[in-house]
Amino acid sequence: MEKLTELKCVPCQGGIEPLKGKALEPLAREVPRWEIVDEHHLRRAFGFRNFAAALTFVNQVGELAEQMAHHPEICFTWGRVTIQIHTHKIDGLHRNDFVLAAHIDRLEGAGG
C-alpha cells in the first residue's frame, strides 16, 4: 500500500458509500493522531505557542486544501487549531480524507 503522503486527493463525484468499519483500519493506522468520530469524520487538535503560530499553520493548511481541492473545517483560536475532515459528497469518510490528514501532519512536522 502506498503511503498516504505520496498520494493526492482525487475528486469524489459521489455515488459511493462512505468507508466504515474494518475499511477504516489500514488508513487510520497511517494517521494515528487523528480521531475517527462516529465513522463520519476525522478530527485533530493542534497546540501552538501563540496566536501568530496558530494563524501561520491555518494559512498553510488553507494553501494545502486549495492544492488538494479538498477543504476541511478549521476552528482557530489563540494557540489552538482544530481540524475536521470528511467528504461532503458522500457525507462520510473517503480515502481522500486520510490523504489530506497525512499531508496536514507533514505541515505540522515542518514547523506548523
PDB file of N, CA and C in Angstrom:
ATOM      1  N   MET A   1       0.843  -1.185   0.000  1.00  0.00           N
ATOM      2  CA  MET A   1       0.000   0.000   0.000  1.00  0.00           C
ATOM      3  C   MET A   1       0.886   1.244   0.000  1.00  0.00           C
ATOM      4  N   GLU A   2       0.570   2.203  -0.858  1.00  0.00           N
ATOM      5  CA  GLU A   2       1.325   3.441  -0.908  1.00  0.00           C
ATOM      6  C   GLU A   2       1.095   4.253   0.357  1.00  0.00           C
ATOM      7  N   LYS A   3       2.123   5.024   0.736  1.00  0.00           N
ATOM      8  CA  LYS A   3       1.961   5.922   1.868  1.00  0.00           C
ATOM      9  C   LYS A   3       0.992   7.030   1.474  1.00  0.00           C
ATOM     10  N   LEU A   4       0.172   7.435   2.410  1.00  0.00           N
ATOM     11  CA  LEU A   4      -0.822   8.469   2.121  1.00  0.00           C
ATOM     12  C   LEU A   4      -0.175   9.778   1.686  1.00  0.00           C
ATOM     13  N   THR A   5       1.006  10.075   2.196  1.00  0.00           N
ATOM     14  CA  THR A   5       1.669  11.326   1.829  1.00  0.00           C
ATOM     15  C   THR A   5       2.218  11.294   0.407  1.00  0.00           C
ATOM     16  N   GLU A   6       2.202  10.140  -0.233  1.00  0.00           N
ATOM     17  CA  GLU A   6       2.618  10.026  -1.630  1.00  0.00           C
ATOM     18  C   GLU A   6       1.432  10.207  -2.579  1.00  0.00           C
ATOM     19  N   LEU A   7       0.235  10.289  -2.022  1.00  0.00           N
ATOM     20  CA  LEU A   7      -0.981  10.379  -2.820  1.00  0.00           C
ATOM     21  C   LEU A   7      -1.520  11.802  -2.831  1.00  0.00           C
ATOM     22  N   LYS A   8      -2.359  12.087  -3.788  1.00  0.00           N
ATOM     23  CA  LYS A   8      -3.090  13.350  -3.873  1.00  0.00           C
ATOM     24  C   LYS A   8      -4.572  13.023  -3.793  1.00  0.00           C
ATOM     25  N   CYS A   9      -5.349  13.996  -3.395  1.00  0.00           N
ATOM     26  CA  CYS A   9      -6.804  13.813  -3.367  1.00  0.00           C
ATOM     27  C   CYS A   9      -7.326  13.739  -4.793  1.00  0.00           C
ATOM     28  N   VAL A  10      -8.236  12.809  -5.014  1.00  0.00           N
ATOM     29  CA  VAL A  10      -8.888  12.634  -6.309  1.00  0.00           C
ATOM     30  C   VAL A  10     -10.338  13.054  -6.116  1.00  0.00           C
ATOM     31  N   PRO A  11     -10.845  13.970  -6.939  1.00  0.00           N
ATOM     32  CA  PRO A  11     -12.213  14.454  -6.727  1.00  0.00           C
ATOM     33  C   PRO A  11     -13.221  13.309  -6.621  1.00  0.00           C
ATOM     34  N   CYS A  12     -14.021  13.373  -5.581  1.00  0.00           N
ATOM     35  CA  CYS A  12     -15.074  12.386  -5.349  1.00  0.00           C
ATOM     36  C   CYS A  12     -16.343  12.907  -6.020  1.00  0.00           C
ATOM     37  N   GLN A  13     -16.913  12.101  -6.869  1.00  0.00           N
ATOM     38  CA  GLN A  13     -18.120  12.503  -7.592  1.00  0.00           C
ATOM     39  C   GLN A  13     -19.398  12.078  -6.875  1.00  0.00           C
ATOM     40  N   GLY A  14     -19.231  11.416  -5.733  1.00  0.00           N
ATOM     41  CA  GLY A  14     -20.400  10.914  -5.029  1.00  0.00           C
ATOM     42  C   GLY A  14     -20.810   9.570  -5.593  1.00  0.00           C
ATOM     43  N   GLY A  15     -21.958   9.073  -5.168  1.00  0.00           N
ATOM     44  CA  GLY A  15     -22.466   7.804  -5.678  1.00  0.00           C
ATOM     45  C   GLY A  15     -21.759   6.585  -5.117  1.00  0.00           C
ATOM     46  N   ILE A  16     -20.916   6.770  -4.105  1.00  0.00           N
ATOM     47  CA  ILE A  16     -20.255   5.646  -3.458  1.00  0.00           C
ATOM     48  C   ILE A  16     -20.572   5.710  -1.966  1.00  0.00           C
ATOM     49  N   GLU A  17     -20.421   4.585  -1.317  1.00  0.00           N
ATOM     50  CA  GLU A  17     -20.669   4.525   0.124  1.00  0.00           C
ATOM     51  C   GLU A  17     -19.444   5.040   0.873  1.00  0.00           C
ATOM     52  N   PRO A  18     -19.663   5.741   1.978  1.00  0.00           N
ATOM     53  CA  PRO A  18     -18.533   6.142   2.811  1.00  0.00           C
ATOM     54  C   PRO A  18     -17.843   4.920   3.414  1.00  0.00           C
ATOM     55  N   LEU A  19     -16.578   5.070   3.740  1.00  0.00           N
ATOM     56  CA  LEU A  19     -15.838   3.998   4.391  1.00  0.00           C
ATOM     57  C   LEU A  19     -16.366   3.799   5.806  1.00  0.00           C
ATOM     58  N   LYS A  20     -16.450   2.549   6.213  1.00  0.00           N
ATOM     59  CA  LYS A  20     -16.944   2.194   7.553  1.00  0.00           C
ATOM     60  C   LYS A  20     -16.173   0.982   8.063  1.00  0.00           C
ATOM     61  N   GLY A  21     -16.235   0.775   9.364  1.00  0.00           N
ATOM     62  CA  GLY A  21     -15.722  -0.448   9.980  1.00  0.00           C
ATOM     63  C   GLY A  21     -14.281  -0.768   9.645  1.00  0.00           C
ATOM     64  N   LYS A  22     -14.053  -2.023   9.266  1.00  0.00           N
ATOM     65  CA  LYS A  22     -12.705  -2.514   9.009  1.00  0.00           C
ATOM     66  C   LYS A  22     -12.024  -1.803   7.852  1.00  0.00           C
ATOM     67  N   ALA A  23     -12.769  -1.231   6.939  1.00  0.00           N
ATOM     68  CA  ALA A  23     -12.175  -0.498   5.811  1.00  0.00           C
ATOM     69  C   ALA A  23     -11.409   0.735   6.284  1.00  0.00           C
ATOM     70  N   LEU A  24     -11.744   1.228   7.479  1.00  0.00           N
ATOM     71  CA  LEU A  24     -11.066   2.407   8.030  1.00  0.00           C
ATOM     72  C   LEU A  24      -9.724   2.075   8.679  1.00  0.00           C
ATOM     73  N   GLU A  25      -9.565   0.839   9.118  1.00  0.00           N
ATOM     74  CA  GLU A  25      -8.410   0.466   9.939  1.00  0.00           C
ATOM     75  C   GLU A  25      -7.049   0.718   9.291  1.00  0.00           C
ATOM     76  N   PRO A  26      -6.792   0.259   8.056  1.00  0.00           N
ATOM     77  CA  PRO A  26      -5.448   0.495   7.495  1.00  0.00           C
ATOM     78  C   PRO A  26      -5.159   1.980   7.263  1.00  0.00           C
ATOM     79  N   LEU A  27      -6.175   2.743   6.935  1.00  0.00           N
ATOM     80  CA  LEU A  27      -5.995   4.183   6.727  1.00  0.00           C
ATOM     81  C   LEU A  27      -5.748   4.884   8.056  1.00  0.00           C
ATOM     82  N   ALA A  28      -6.486   4.492   9.078  1.00  0.00           N
ATOM     83  CA  ALA A  28      -6.334   5.100  10.400  1.00  0.00           C
ATOM     84  C   ALA A  28      -4.943   4.861  10.970  1.00  0.00           C
ATOM     85  N   ARG A  29      -4.354   3.721  10.671  1.00  0.00           N
ATOM     86  CA  ARG A  29      -3.003   3.426  11.169  1.00  0.00           C
ATOM     87  C   ARG A  29      -1.973   4.418  10.618  1.00  0.00           C
ATOM     88  N   GLU A  30      -2.233   4.975   9.462  1.00  0.00           N
ATOM     89  CA  GLU A  30      -1.292   5.921   8.856  1.00  0.00           C
ATOM     90  C   GLU A  30      -1.415   7.327   9.421  1.00  0.00           C
ATOM     91  N   VAL A  31      -2.510   7.617  10.105  1.00  0.00           N
ATOM     92  CA  VAL A  31      -2.706   8.945  10.721  1.00  0.00           C
ATOM     93  C   VAL A  31      -3.163   8.743  12.170  1.00  0.00           C
ATOM     94  N   PRO A  32      -2.291   8.154  13.003  1.00  0.00           N
ATOM     95  CA  PRO A  32      -2.714   7.742  14.344  1.00  0.00           C
ATOM     96  C   PRO A  32      -3.094   8.880  15.286  1.00  0.00           C
ATOM     97  N   ARG A  33      -2.689  10.102  14.991  1.00  0.00           N
ATOM     98  CA  ARG A  33      -3.038  11.213  15.884  1.00  0.00           C
ATOM     99  C   ARG A  33      -4.411  11.802  15.571  1.00  0.00           C
ATOM    100  N   TRP A  34      -5.057  11.294  14.536  1.00  0.00           N
ATOM    101  CA  TRP A  34      -6.396  11.751  14.167  1.00  0.00           C
ATOM    102  C   TRP A  34      -7.427  10.820  14.780  1.00  0.00           C
ATOM    103  N   GLU A  35      -8.492  11.392  15.282  1.00  0.00           N
ATOM    104  CA  GLU A  35      -9.598  10.632  15.861  1.00  0.00           C
ATOM    105  C   GLU A  35     -10.658  10.423  14.770  1.00  0.00           C
ATOM    106  N   ILE A  36     -11.135   9.202  14.663  1.00  0.00           N
ATOM    107  CA  ILE A  36     -12.273   8.927  13.787  1.00  0.00           C
ATOM    108  C   ILE A  36     -13.522   9.097  14.639  1.00  0.00           C
ATOM    109  N   VAL A  37     -14.371  10.030  14.269  1.00  0.00           N
ATOM    110  CA  VAL A  37     -15.559  10.364  15.047  1.00  0.00           C
ATOM    111  C   VAL A  37     -16.795   9.779  14.365  1.00  0.00           C
ATOM    112  N   ASP A  38     -17.432   8.843  15.053  1.00  0.00           N
ATOM    113  CA  ASP A  38     -18.684   8.227  14.576  1.00  0.00           C
ATOM    114  C   ASP A  38     -18.590   7.674  13.155  1.00  0.00           C
ATOM    115  N   GLU A  39     -17.409   7.218  12.760  1.00  0.00           N
ATOM    116  CA  GLU A  39     -17.175   6.715  11.401  1.00  0.00           C
ATOM    117  C   GLU A  39     -17.638   7.722  10.348  1.00  0.00           C
ATOM    118  N   HIS A  40     -17.629   9.001  10.705  1.00  0.00           N
ATOM    119  CA  HIS A  40     -18.127  10.046   9.813  1.00  0.00           C
ATOM    120  C   HIS A  40     -17.065  11.073   9.428  1.00  0.00           C
ATOM    121  N   HIS A  41     -16.207  11.447  10.379  1.00  0.00           N
ATOM    122  CA  HIS A  41     -15.180  12.439  10.067  1.00  0.00           C
ATOM    123  C   HIS A  41     -13.937  12.221  10.928  1.00  0.00           C
ATOM    124  N   LEU A  42     -12.860  12.853  10.496  1.00  0.00           N
ATOM    125  CA  LEU A  42     -11.604  12.849  11.234  1.00  0.00           C
ATOM    126  C   LEU A  42     -11.498  14.158  11.994  1.00  0.00           C
ATOM    127  N   ARG A  43     -10.869  14.097  13.175  1.00  0.00           N
ATOM    128  CA  ARG A  43     -10.675  15.320  13.953  1.00  0.00           C
ATOM    129  C   ARG A  43      -9.318  15.248  14.653  1.00  0.00           C
ATOM    130  N   ARG A  44      -8.662  16.390  14.664  1.00  0.00           N
ATOM    131  CA  ARG A  44      -7.409  16.505  15.399  1.00  0.00           C
ATOM    132  C   ARG A  44      -7.242  17.938  15.883  1.00  0.00           C
ATOM    133  N   ALA A  45      -6.760  18.088  17.109  1.00  0.00           N
ATOM    134  CA  ALA A  45      -6.445  19.406  17.668  1.00  0.00           C
ATOM    135  C   ALA A  45      -4.932  19.575  17.678  1.00  0.00           C
ATOM    136  N   PHE A  46      -4.492  20.769  17.349  1.00  0.00           N
ATOM    137  CA  PHE A  46      -3.079  21.124  17.312  1.00  0.00           C
ATOM    138  C   PHE A  46      -2.856  22.273  18.288  1.00  0.00           C
ATOM    139  N   GLY A  47      -1.793  22.195  19.073  1.00  0.00           N
ATOM    140  CA  GLY A  47      -1.467  23.266  20.000  1.00  0.00           C
ATOM    141  C   GLY A  47      -0.271  24.072  19.495  1.00  0.00           C
ATOM    142  N   PHE A  48      -0.290  25.388  19.751  1.00  0.00           N
ATOM    143  CA  PHE A  48       0.774  26.287  19.314  1.00  0.00           C
ATOM    144  C   PHE A  48       1.148  27.231  20.438  1.00  0.00           C
ATOM    145  N   ARG A  49       2.306  27.823  20.339  1.00  0.00           N
ATOM    146  CA  ARG A  49       2.823  28.679  21.410  1.00  0.00           C
ATOM    147  C   ARG A  49       2.129  30.026  21.502  1.00  0.00           C
ATOM    148  N   ASN A  50       1.441  30.428  20.413  1.00  0.00           N
ATOM    149  CA  ASN A  50       0.757  31.725  20.441  1.00  0.00           C
ATOM    150  C   ASN A  50      -0.208  31.827  19.257  1.00  0.00           C
ATOM    151  N   PHE A  51      -0.879  32.964  19.181  1.00  0.00           N
ATOM    152  CA  PHE A  51      -1.858  33.223  18.131  1.00  0.00           C
ATOM    153  C   PHE A  51      -1.206  33.224  16.749  1.00  0.00           C
ATOM    154  N   ALA A  52      -0.061  33.895  16.637  1.00  0.00           N
ATOM    155  CA  ALA A  52       0.611  34.025  15.335  1.00  0.00           C
ATOM    156  C   ALA A  52       1.023  32.668  14.770  1.00  0.00           C
ATOM    157  N   ALA A  53       1.532  31.787  15.613  1.00  0.00           N
ATOM    158  CA  ALA A  53       1.944  30.463  15.153  1.00  0.00           C
ATOM    159  C   ALA A  53       0.731  29.652  14.683  1.00  0.00           C
ATOM    160  N   ALA A  54      -0.367  29.761  15.414  1.00  0.00           N
ATOM    161  CA  ALA A  54      -1.595  29.063  15.012  1.00  0.00           C
ATOM    162  C   ALA A  54      -2.104  29.605  13.678  1.00  0.00           C
ATOM    163  N   LEU A  55      -2.062  30.923  13.513  1.00  0.00           N
ATOM    164  CA  LEU A  55      -2.507  31.535  12.265  1.00  0.00           C
ATOM    165  C   LEU A  55      -1.644  31.102  11.086  1.00  0.00           C
ATOM    166  N   THR A  56      -0.346  31.034  11.291  1.00  0.00           N
ATOM    167  CA  THR A  56       0.551  30.569  10.227  1.00  0.00           C
ATOM    168  C   THR A  56       0.171  29.161   9.794  1.00  0.00           C
ATOM    169  N   PHE A  57      -0.095  28.298  10.761  1.00  0.00           N
ATOM    170  CA  PHE A  57      -0.497  26.920  10.458  1.00  0.00           C
ATOM    171  C   PHE A  57      -1.821  26.889   9.695  1.00  0.00           C
ATOM    172  N   VAL A  58      -2.788  27.688  10.126  1.00  0.00           N
ATOM    173  CA  VAL A  58      -4.080  27.745   9.440  1.00  0.00           C
ATOM    174  C   VAL A  58      -3.878  28.151   7.980  1.00  0.00           C
ATOM    175  N   ASN A  59      -3.039  29.125   7.743  1.00  0.00           N
ATOM    176  CA  ASN A  59      -2.770  29.565   6.368  1.00  0.00           C
ATOM    177  C   ASN A  59      -2.100  28.467   5.548  1.00  0.00           C
ATOM    178  N   GLN A  60      -1.189  27.710   6.163  1.00  0.00           N
ATOM    179  CA  GLN A  60      -0.553  26.589   5.470  1.00  0.00           C
ATOM    180  C   GLN A  60      -1.572  25.514   5.125  1.00  0.00           C
ATOM    181  N   VAL A  61      -2.457  25.211   6.062  1.00  0.00           N
ATOM    182  CA  VAL A  61      -3.499  24.216   5.809  1.00  0.00           C
ATOM    183  C   VAL A  61      -4.421  24.707   4.695  1.00  0.00           C
ATOM    184  N   GLY A  62      -4.756  25.991   4.709  1.00  0.00           N
ATOM    185  CA  GLY A  62      -5.599  26.552   3.655  1.00  0.00           C
ATOM    186  C   GLY A  62      -4.977  26.423   2.279  1.00  0.00           C
ATOM    187  N   GLU A  63      -3.687  26.706   2.181  1.00  0.00           N
ATOM    188  CA  GLU A  63      -2.985  26.556   0.894  1.00  0.00           C
ATOM    189  C   GLU A  63      -2.976  25.100   0.449  1.00  0.00           C
ATOM    190  N   LEU A  64      -2.707  24.191   1.378  1.00  0.00           N
ATOM    191  CA  LEU A  64      -2.722  22.767   1.069  1.00  0.00           C
ATOM    192  C   LEU A  64      -4.105  22.322   0.604  1.00  0.00           C
ATOM    193  N   ALA A  65      -5.135  22.770   1.306  1.00  0.00           N
ATOM    194  CA  ALA A  65      -6.509  22.403   0.938  1.00  0.00           C
ATOM    195  C   ALA A  65      -6.837  22.863  -0.477  1.00  0.00           C
ATOM    196  N   GLU A  66      -6.396  24.055  -0.836  1.00  0.00           N
ATOM    197  CA  GLU A  66      -6.621  24.546  -2.203  1.00  0.00           C
ATOM    198  C   GLU A  66      -5.881  23.682  -3.217  1.00  0.00           C
ATOM    199  N   GLN A  67      -4.639  23.319  -2.920  1.00  0.00           N
ATOM    200  CA  GLN A  67      -3.858  22.462  -3.826  1.00  0.00           C
ATOM    201  C   GLN A  67      -4.515  21.108  -4.007  1.00  0.00           C
ATOM    202  N   MET A  68      -5.077  20.575  -2.922  1.00  0.00           N
ATOM    203  CA  MET A  68      -5.698  19.254  -2.946  1.00  0.00           C
ATOM    204  C   MET A  68      -7.156  19.298  -3.400  1.00  0.00           C
ATOM    205  N   ALA A  69      -7.730  20.499  -3.475  1.00  0.00           N
ATOM    206  CA  ALA A  69      -9.151  20.663  -3.797  1.00  0.00           C
ATOM    207  C   ALA A  69     -10.015  19.856  -2.828  1.00  0.00           C
ATOM    208  N   HIS A  70      -9.611  19.880  -1.562  1.00  0.00           N
ATOM    209  CA  HIS A  70     -10.338  19.165  -0.505  1.00  0.00           C
ATOM    210  C   HIS A  70     -10.239  20.048   0.739  1.00  0.00           C
ATOM    211  N   HIS A  71     -11.367  20.544   1.196  1.00  0.00           N
ATOM    212  CA  HIS A  71     -11.376  21.620   2.179  1.00  0.00           C
ATOM    213  C   HIS A  71     -11.943  21.173   3.522  1.00  0.00           C
ATOM    214  N   PRO A  72     -11.099  21.200   4.569  1.00  0.00           N
ATOM    215  CA  PRO A  72     -11.551  20.795   5.900  1.00  0.00           C
ATOM    216  C   PRO A  72     -12.255  21.925   6.626  1.00  0.00           C
ATOM    217  N   GLU A  73     -12.872  21.573   7.728  1.00  0.00           N
ATOM    218  CA  GLU A  73     -13.399  22.576   8.658  1.00  0.00           C
ATOM    219  C   GLU A  73     -12.257  22.928   9.611  1.00  0.00           C
ATOM    220  N   ILE A  74     -12.008  24.220   9.792  1.00  0.00           N
ATOM    221  CA  ILE A  74     -10.909  24.669  10.640  1.00  0.00           C
ATOM    222  C   ILE A  74     -11.461  25.601  11.709  1.00  0.00           C
ATOM    223  N   CYS A  75     -11.200  25.264  12.964  1.00  0.00           N
ATOM    224  CA  CYS A  75     -11.560  26.120  14.089  1.00  0.00           C
ATOM    225  C   CYS A  75     -10.245  26.632  14.671  1.00  0.00           C
ATOM    226  N   PHE A  76     -10.135  27.947  14.787  1.00  0.00           N
ATOM    227  CA  PHE A  76      -8.865  28.574  15.124  1.00  0.00           C
ATOM    228  C   PHE A  76      -9.057  29.569  16.251  1.00  0.00           C
ATOM    229  N   THR A  77      -8.220  29.463  17.271  1.00  0.00           N
ATOM    230  CA  THR A  77      -8.240  30.385  18.400  1.00  0.00           C
ATOM    231  C   THR A  77      -6.813  30.537  18.903  1.00  0.00           C
ATOM    232  N   TRP A  78      -6.626  31.307  19.958  1.00  0.00           N
ATOM    233  CA  TRP A  78      -5.297  31.562  20.479  1.00  0.00           C
ATOM    234  C   TRP A  78      -4.596  30.246  20.813  1.00  0.00           C
ATOM    235  N   GLY A  79      -3.522  29.946  20.082  1.00  0.00           N
ATOM    236  CA  GLY A  79      -2.692  28.789  20.376  1.00  0.00           C
ATOM    237  C   GLY A  79      -3.305  27.432  20.097  1.00  0.00           C
ATOM    238  N   ARG A  80      -4.438  27.393  19.413  1.00  0.00           N
ATOM    239  CA  ARG A  80      -5.102  26.101  19.170  1.00  0.00           C
ATOM    240  C   ARG A  80      -5.823  26.117  17.823  1.00  0.00           C
ATOM    241  N   VAL A  81      -5.652  25.019  17.097  1.00  0.00           N
ATOM    242  CA  VAL A  81      -6.347  24.818  15.829  1.00  0.00           C
ATOM    243  C   VAL A  81      -6.956  23.413  15.872  1.00  0.00           C
ATOM    244  N   THR A  82      -8.253  23.322  15.597  1.00  0.00           N
ATOM    245  CA  THR A  82      -8.912  22.026  15.498  1.00  0.00           C
ATOM    246  C   THR A  82      -9.382  21.864  14.054  1.00  0.00           C
ATOM    247  N   ILE A  83      -9.062  20.713  13.477  1.00  0.00           N
ATOM    248  CA  ILE A  83      -9.427  20.441  12.086  1.00  0.00           C
ATOM    249  C   ILE A  83     -10.311  19.210  12.033  1.00  0.00           C
ATOM    250  N   GLN A  84     -11.389  19.317  11.267  1.00  0.00           N
ATOM    251  CA  GLN A  84     -12.272  18.186  10.979  1.00  0.00           C
ATOM    252  C   GLN A  84     -12.314  17.996   9.470  1.00  0.00           C
ATOM    253  N   ILE A  85     -12.282  16.736   9.073  1.00  0.00           N
ATOM    254  CA  ILE A  85     -12.269  16.407   7.647  1.00  0.00           C
ATOM    255  C   ILE A  85     -13.297  15.314   7.373  1.00  0.00           C
ATOM    256  N   HIS A  86     -14.103  15.527   6.365  1.00  0.00           N
ATOM    257  CA  HIS A  86     -14.932  14.473   5.796  1.00  0.00           C
ATOM    258  C   HIS A  86     -15.265  14.876   4.363  1.00  0.00           C
ATOM    259  N   THR A  87     -15.820  13.950   3.621  1.00  0.00           N
ATOM    260  CA  THR A  87     -16.162  14.205   2.229  1.00  0.00           C
ATOM    261  C   THR A  87     -17.652  14.529   2.157  1.00  0.00           C
ATOM    262  N   HIS A  88     -17.950  15.755   1.808  1.00  0.00           N
ATOM    263  CA  HIS A  88     -19.332  16.239   1.795  1.00  0.00           C
ATOM    264  C   HIS A  88     -20.202  15.478   0.790  1.00  0.00           C
ATOM    265  N   LYS A  89     -19.657  15.141  -0.368  1.00  0.00           N
ATOM    266  CA  LYS A  89     -20.458  14.484  -1.412  1.00  0.00           C
ATOM    267  C   LYS A  89     -21.030  13.140  -0.972  1.00  0.00           C
ATOM    268  N   ILE A  90     -20.343  12.471  -0.032  1.00  0.00           N
ATOM    269  CA  ILE A  90     -20.839  11.181   0.444  1.00  0.00           C
ATOM    270  C   ILE A  90     -21.218  11.236   1.917  1.00  0.00           C
ATOM    271  N   ASP A  91     -21.135  12.418   2.518  1.00  0.00           N
ATOM    272  CA  ASP A  91     -21.465  12.633   3.929  1.00  0.00           C
ATOM    273  C   ASP A  91     -20.798  11.605   4.828  1.00  0.00           C
ATOM    274  N   GLY A  92     -19.488  11.446   4.619  1.00  0.00           N
ATOM    275  CA  GLY A  92     -18.731  10.495   5.427  1.00  0.00           C
ATOM    276  C   GLY A  92     -17.282  10.472   5.011  1.00  0.00           C
ATOM    277  N   LEU A  93     -16.627   9.382   5.352  1.00  0.00           N
ATOM    278  CA  LEU A  93     -15.192   9.270   5.110  1.00  0.00           C
ATOM    279  C   LEU A  93     -14.860   8.586   3.795  1.00  0.00           C
ATOM    280  N   HIS A  94     -13.849   9.132   3.152  1.00  0.00           N
ATOM    281  CA  HIS A  94     -13.310   8.658   1.878  1.00  0.00           C
ATOM    282  C   HIS A  94     -11.799   8.606   2.049  1.00  0.00           C
ATOM    283  N   ARG A  95     -11.123   7.862   1.226  1.00  0.00           N
ATOM    284  CA  ARG A  95      -9.657   7.815   1.297  1.00  0.00           C
ATOM    285  C   ARG A  95      -9.048   9.208   1.244  1.00  0.00           C
ATOM    286  N   ASN A  96      -9.641  10.116   0.469  1.00  0.00           N
ATOM    287  CA  ASN A  96      -9.127  11.491   0.372  1.00  0.00           C
ATOM    288  C   ASN A  96      -8.989  12.155   1.739  1.00  0.00           C
ATOM    289  N   ASP A  97      -9.887  11.863   2.651  1.00  0.00           N
ATOM    290  CA  ASP A  97      -9.843  12.483   3.973  1.00  0.00           C
ATOM    291  C   ASP A  97      -8.562  12.089   4.711  1.00  0.00           C
ATOM    292  N   PHE A  98      -8.178  10.846   4.580  1.00  0.00           N
ATOM    293  CA  PHE A  98      -6.958  10.360   5.214  1.00  0.00           C
ATOM    294  C   PHE A  98      -5.716  10.896   4.508  1.00  0.00           C
ATOM    295  N   VAL A  99      -5.798  11.036   3.194  1.00  0.00           N
ATOM    296  CA  VAL A  99      -4.690  11.631   2.439  1.00  0.00           C
ATOM    297  C   VAL A  99      -4.456  13.063   2.918  1.00  0.00           C
ATOM    298  N   LEU A 100      -5.516  13.840   3.005  1.00  0.00           N
ATOM    299  CA  LEU A 100      -5.371  15.222   3.461  1.00  0.00           C
ATOM    300  C   LEU A 100      -4.832  15.266   4.893  1.00  0.00           C
ATOM    301  N   ALA A 101      -5.330  14.404   5.769  1.00  0.00           N
ATOM    302  CA  ALA A 101      -4.848  14.365   7.153  1.00  0.00           C
ATOM    303  C   ALA A 101      -3.345  14.075   7.201  1.00  0.00           C
ATOM    304  N   ALA A 102      -2.885  13.140   6.400  1.00  0.00           N
ATOM    305  CA  ALA A 102      -1.454  12.805   6.373  1.00  0.00           C
ATOM    306  C   ALA A 102      -0.618  13.988   5.911  1.00  0.00           C
ATOM    307  N   HIS A 103      -1.105  14.698   4.911  1.00  0.00           N
ATOM    308  CA  HIS A 103      -0.382  15.878   4.424  1.00  0.00           C
ATOM    309  C   HIS A 103      -0.391  16.999   5.475  1.00  0.00           C
ATOM    310  N   ILE A 104      -1.477  17.147   6.192  1.00  0.00           N
ATOM    311  CA  ILE A 104      -1.530  18.151   7.268  1.00  0.00           C
ATOM    312  C   ILE A 104      -0.527  17.785   8.364  1.00  0.00           C
ATOM    313  N   ASP A 105      -0.427  16.506   8.684  1.00  0.00           N
ATOM    314  CA  ASP A 105       0.563  16.080   9.679  1.00  0.00           C
ATOM    315  C   ASP A 105       1.976  16.460   9.244  1.00  0.00           C
ATOM    316  N   ARG A 106       2.260  16.365   7.975  1.00  0.00           N
ATOM    317  CA  ARG A 106       3.591  16.759   7.474  1.00  0.00           C
ATOM    318  C   ARG A 106       3.823  18.254   7.650  1.00  0.00           C
ATOM    319  N   LEU A 107       2.784  19.062   7.452  1.00  0.00           N
ATOM    320  CA  LEU A 107       2.917  20.506   7.690  1.00  0.00           C
ATOM    321  C   LEU A 107       3.299  20.782   9.125  1.00  0.00           C
ATOM    322  N   GLU A 108       2.621  20.120  10.025  1.00  0.00           N
ATOM    323  CA  GLU A 108       2.892  20.311  11.445  1.00  0.00           C
ATOM    324  C   GLU A 108       4.338  19.943  11.760  1.00  0.00           C
ATOM    325  N   GLY A 109       4.810  18.840  11.164  1.00  0.00           N
ATOM    326  CA  GLY A 109       6.175  18.392  11.398  1.00  0.00           C
ATOM    327  C   GLY A 109       7.208  19.345  10.816  1.00  0.00           C
ATOM    328  N   ALA A 110       6.796  20.146   9.844  1.00  0.00           N
ATOM    329  CA  ALA A 110       7.714  21.096   9.209  1.00  0.00           C
ATOM    330  C   ALA A 110       7.705  22.443   9.911  1.00  0.00           C
ATOM    331  N   GLY A 111       7.115  22.500  11.072  1.00  0.00           N
ATOM    332  CA  GLY A 111       7.151  23.748  11.840  1.00  0.00           C
ATOM    333  C   GLY A 111       5.813  24.390  12.042  1.00  0.00           C
ATOM    334  N   GLY A 112       4.725  23.646  11.734  1.00  0.00           N
ATOM    335  CA  GLY A 112       3.385  24.179  11.904  1.00  0.00           C
ATOM    336  C   GLY A 112       2.999  24.375  13.325  1.00  0.00           C
TER     337      GLY A 112
END
